[in-house]
Amino acid sequence: MLRTITIGSTVSVQGIFVRDMPDGRVSVKVDDAIYTGKPIQRRN
């Protein structure tokens, strides 16, 4: 499943979901790198 996260105040990363962190952040994998940041909320 694809997830989008923010790293810092302006950088967004979209990748394959890896795991939920205990502090509410999410990890995603892009190629060989794993990034962790705050998840973007879906708009309804």
PDB file of N, CA and C in Angstrom:
ATOM      1  N   MET A   1       0.845  -1.164   0.000  1.00  0.00           N
ATOM      2  CA  MET A   1       0.000   0.000   0.000  1.00  0.00           C
ATOM      3  C   MET A   1       0.897   1.235   0.000  1.00  0.00           C
ATOM      4  N   LEU A   2       0.587   2.191  -0.832  1.00  0.00           N
ATOM      5  CA  LEU A   2       1.338   3.445  -0.882  1.00  0.00           C
ATOM      6  C   LEU A   2       0.880   4.373   0.234  1.00  0.00           C
ATOM      7  N   ARG A   3       1.843   5.045   0.836  1.00  0.00           N
ATOM      8  CA  ARG A   3       1.544   6.043   1.870  1.00  0.00           C
ATOM      9  C   ARG A   3       2.378   7.273   1.586  1.00  0.00           C
ATOM     10  N   THR A   4       1.870   8.423   1.973  1.00  0.00           N
ATOM     11  CA  THR A   4       2.589   9.683   1.816  1.00  0.00           C
ATOM     12  C   THR A   4       2.890  10.236   3.198  1.00  0.00           C
ATOM     13  N   ILE A   5       4.140  10.668   3.399  1.00  0.00           N
ATOM     14  CA  ILE A   5       4.560  11.230   4.679  1.00  0.00           C
ATOM     15  C   ILE A   5       5.241  12.567   4.442  1.00  0.00           C
ATOM     16  N   THR A   6       5.344  13.372   5.494  1.00  0.00           N
ATOM     17  CA  THR A   6       6.110  14.607   5.421  1.00  0.00           C
ATOM     18  C   THR A   6       7.340  14.463   6.294  1.00  0.00           C
ATOM     19  N   ILE A   7       8.432  14.976   5.777  1.00  0.00           N
ATOM     20  CA  ILE A   7       9.687  15.019   6.517  1.00  0.00           C
ATOM     21  C   ILE A   7      10.060  16.486   6.618  1.00  0.00           C
ATOM     22  N   GLY A   8      10.132  16.992   7.812  1.00  0.00           N
ATOM     23  CA  GLY A   8      10.363  18.429   7.983  1.00  0.00           C
ATOM     24  C   GLY A   8       9.085  19.192   7.680  1.00  0.00           C
ATOM     25  N   SER A   9       9.221  20.409   7.206  1.00  0.00           N
ATOM     26  CA  SER A   9       8.021  21.223   6.976  1.00  0.00           C
ATOM     27  C   SER A   9       7.571  21.243   5.519  1.00  0.00           C
ATOM     28  N   THR A  10       8.461  20.897   4.575  1.00  0.00           N
ATOM     29  CA  THR A  10       8.087  21.033   3.170  1.00  0.00           C
ATOM     30  C   THR A  10       8.344  19.809   2.301  1.00  0.00           C
ATOM     31  N   VAL A  11       9.035  18.809   2.800  1.00  0.00           N
ATOM     32  CA  VAL A  11       9.391  17.651   1.978  1.00  0.00           C
ATOM     33  C   VAL A  11       8.375  16.532   2.184  1.00  0.00           C
ATOM     34  N   SER A  12       7.775  16.051   1.090  1.00  0.00           N
ATOM     35  CA  SER A  12       6.848  14.923   1.125  1.00  0.00           C
ATOM     36  C   SER A  12       7.474  13.744   0.402  1.00  0.00           C
ATOM     37  N   VAL A  13       7.223  12.551   0.925  1.00  0.00           N
ATOM     38  CA  VAL A  13       7.749  11.318   0.329  1.00  0.00           C
ATOM     39  C   VAL A  13       6.592  10.339   0.198  1.00  0.00           C
ATOM     40  N   GLN A  14       6.493   9.687  -0.962  1.00  0.00           N
ATOM     41  CA  GLN A  14       5.481   8.663  -1.160  1.00  0.00           C
ATOM     42  C   GLN A  14       6.191   7.355  -1.443  1.00  0.00           C
ATOM     43  N   GLY A  15       5.806   6.308  -0.694  1.00  0.00           N
ATOM     44  CA  GLY A  15       6.445   5.016  -0.875  1.00  0.00           C
ATOM     45  C   GLY A  15       5.583   3.898  -0.333  1.00  0.00           C
ATOM     46  N   ILE A  16       6.140   2.705  -0.322  1.00  0.00           N
ATOM     47  CA  ILE A  16       5.422   1.517   0.151  1.00  0.00           C
ATOM     48  C   ILE A  16       5.490   1.461   1.674  1.00  0.00           C
ATOM     49  N   PHE A  17       4.334   1.290   2.301  1.00  0.00           N
ATOM     50  CA  PHE A  17       4.234   1.247   3.758  1.00  0.00           C
ATOM     51  C   PHE A  17       5.122   0.149   4.325  1.00  0.00           C
ATOM     52  N   VAL A  18       5.887   0.481   5.378  1.00  0.00           N
ATOM     53  CA  VAL A  18       6.740  -0.491   6.058  1.00  0.00           C
ATOM     54  C   VAL A  18       6.208  -0.771   7.455  1.00  0.00           C
ATOM     55  N   ARG A  19       6.055   0.292   8.282  1.00  0.00           N
ATOM     56  CA  ARG A  19       5.584   0.076   9.652  1.00  0.00           C
ATOM     57  C   ARG A  19       5.086   1.362  10.283  1.00  0.00           C
ATOM     58  N   ASP A  20       4.231   1.199  11.315  1.00  0.00           N
ATOM     59  CA  ASP A  20       3.813   2.307  12.171  1.00  0.00           C
ATOM     60  C   ASP A  20       4.783   2.375  13.337  1.00  0.00           C
ATOM     61  N   MET A  21       5.243   3.557  13.670  1.00  0.00           N
ATOM     62  CA  MET A  21       6.140   3.750  14.796  1.00  0.00           C
ATOM     63  C   MET A  21       5.312   4.050  16.044  1.00  0.00           C
ATOM     64  N   PRO A  22       5.839   3.763  17.245  1.00  0.00           N
ATOM     65  CA  PRO A  22       5.080   3.995  18.488  1.00  0.00           C
ATOM     66  C   PRO A  22       4.702   5.458  18.716  1.00  0.00           C
ATOM     67  N   ASP A  23       5.440   6.401  18.146  1.00  0.00           N
ATOM     68  CA  ASP A  23       5.158   7.816  18.363  1.00  0.00           C
ATOM     69  C   ASP A  23       4.200   8.411  17.327  1.00  0.00           C
ATOM     70  N   GLY A  24       3.610   7.581  16.468  1.00  0.00           N
ATOM     71  CA  GLY A  24       2.631   8.045  15.486  1.00  0.00           C
ATOM     72  C   GLY A  24       3.198   8.286  14.103  1.00  0.00           C
ATOM     73  N   ARG A  25       4.506   8.226  13.956  1.00  0.00           N
ATOM     74  CA  ARG A  25       5.109   8.391  12.636  1.00  0.00           C
ATOM     75  C   ARG A  25       4.963   7.093  11.837  1.00  0.00           C
ATOM     76  N   VAL A  26       5.226   7.166  10.534  1.00  0.00           N
ATOM     77  CA  VAL A  26       5.092   6.030   9.632  1.00  0.00           C
ATOM     78  C   VAL A  26       6.387   5.887   8.838  1.00  0.00           C
ATOM     79  N   SER A  27       6.795   4.651   8.580  1.00  0.00           N
ATOM     80  CA  SER A  27       7.967   4.397   7.741  1.00  0.00           C
ATOM     81  C   SER A  27       7.518   3.894   6.383  1.00  0.00           C
ATOM     82  N   VAL A  28       8.157   4.412   5.326  1.00  0.00           N
ATOM     83  CA  VAL A  28       7.883   3.974   3.958  1.00  0.00           C
ATOM     84  C   VAL A  28       9.200   3.655   3.269  1.00  0.00           C
ATOM     85  N   LYS A  29       9.129   2.762   2.274  1.00  0.00           N
ATOM     86  CA  LYS A  29      10.316   2.358   1.529  1.00  0.00           C
ATOM     87  C   LYS A  29      10.237   2.907   0.113  1.00  0.00           C
ATOM     88  N   VAL A  30      11.340   3.557  -0.310  1.00  0.00           N
ATOM     89  CA  VAL A  30      11.467   4.080  -1.670  1.00  0.00           C
ATOM     90  C   VAL A  30      12.776   3.527  -2.211  1.00  0.00           C
ATOM     91  N   ASP A  31      12.684   2.662  -3.214  1.00  0.00           N
ATOM     92  CA  ASP A  31      13.847   1.943  -3.736  1.00  0.00           C
ATOM     93  C   ASP A  31      14.514   1.191  -2.586  1.00  0.00           C
ATOM     94  N   ASP A  32      15.760   1.529  -2.234  1.00  0.00           N
ATOM     95  CA  ASP A  32      16.447   0.838  -1.150  1.00  0.00           C
ATOM     96  C   ASP A  32      16.465   1.636   0.143  1.00  0.00           C
ATOM     97  N   ALA A  33      15.853   2.814   0.163  1.00  0.00           N
ATOM     98  CA  ALA A  33      15.871   3.682   1.339  1.00  0.00           C
ATOM     99  C   ALA A  33      14.547   3.613   2.090  1.00  0.00           C
ATOM    100  N   ILE A  34      14.625   3.722   3.421  1.00  0.00           N
ATOM    101  CA  ILE A  34      13.432   3.779   4.265  1.00  0.00           C
ATOM    102  C   ILE A  34      13.394   5.156   4.916  1.00  0.00           C
ATOM    103  N   TYR A  35      12.244   5.842   4.787  1.00  0.00           N
ATOM    104  CA  TYR A  35      12.055   7.168   5.346  1.00  0.00           C
ATOM    105  C   TYR A  35      10.972   7.094   6.410  1.00  0.00           C
ATOM    106  N   THR A  36      11.126   7.896   7.464  1.00  0.00           N
ATOM    107  CA  THR A  36      10.147   7.946   8.543  1.00  0.00           C
ATOM    108  C   THR A  36       9.701   9.382   8.740  1.00  0.00           C
ATOM    109  N   GLY A  37       8.381   9.583   8.813  1.00  0.00           N
ATOM    110  CA  GLY A  37       7.848  10.928   8.990  1.00  0.00           C
ATOM    111  C   GLY A  37       6.387  10.885   9.402  1.00  0.00           C
ATOM    112  N   LYS A  38       5.786  12.047   9.450  1.00  0.00           N
ATOM    113  CA  LYS A  38       4.378  12.161   9.847  1.00  0.00           C
ATOM    114  C   LYS A  38       3.479  11.829   8.659  1.00  0.00           C
ATOM    115  N   PRO A  39       2.453  11.016   8.878  1.00  0.00           N
ATOM    116  CA  PRO A  39       1.556  10.670   7.765  1.00  0.00           C
ATOM    117  C   PRO A  39       0.697  11.859   7.341  1.00  0.00           C
ATOM    118  N   ILE A  40       0.392  11.918   6.051  1.00  0.00           N
ATOM    119  CA  ILE A  40      -0.519  12.923   5.495  1.00  0.00           C
ATOM    120  C   ILE A  40      -1.941  12.397   5.685  1.00  0.00           C
ATOM    121  N   GLN A  41      -2.822  13.245   6.173  1.00  0.00           N
ATOM    122  CA  GLN A  41      -4.213  12.839   6.359  1.00  0.00           C
ATOM    123  C   GLN A  41      -4.956  12.871   5.026  1.00  0.00           C
ATOM    124  N   ARG A  42      -5.792  11.867   4.800  1.00  0.00           N
ATOM    125  CA  ARG A  42      -6.592  11.811   3.565  1.00  0.00           C
ATOM    126  C   ARG A  42      -7.686  12.860   3.612  1.00  0.00           C
ATOM    127  N   ARG A  43      -7.968  13.428   2.447  1.00  0.00           N
ATOM    128  CA  ARG A  43      -9.085  14.380   2.328  1.00  0.00           C
ATOM    129  C   ARG A  43     -10.328  13.602   1.928  1.00  0.00           C
ATOM    130  N   ASN A  44     -11.447  13.986   2.482  1.00  0.00           N
ATOM    131  CA  ASN A  44     -12.714  13.323   2.133  1.00  0.00           C
ATOM    132  C   ASN A  44     -13.512  14.168   1.194  1.00  0.00           C
TER     133      ASN A  44
END
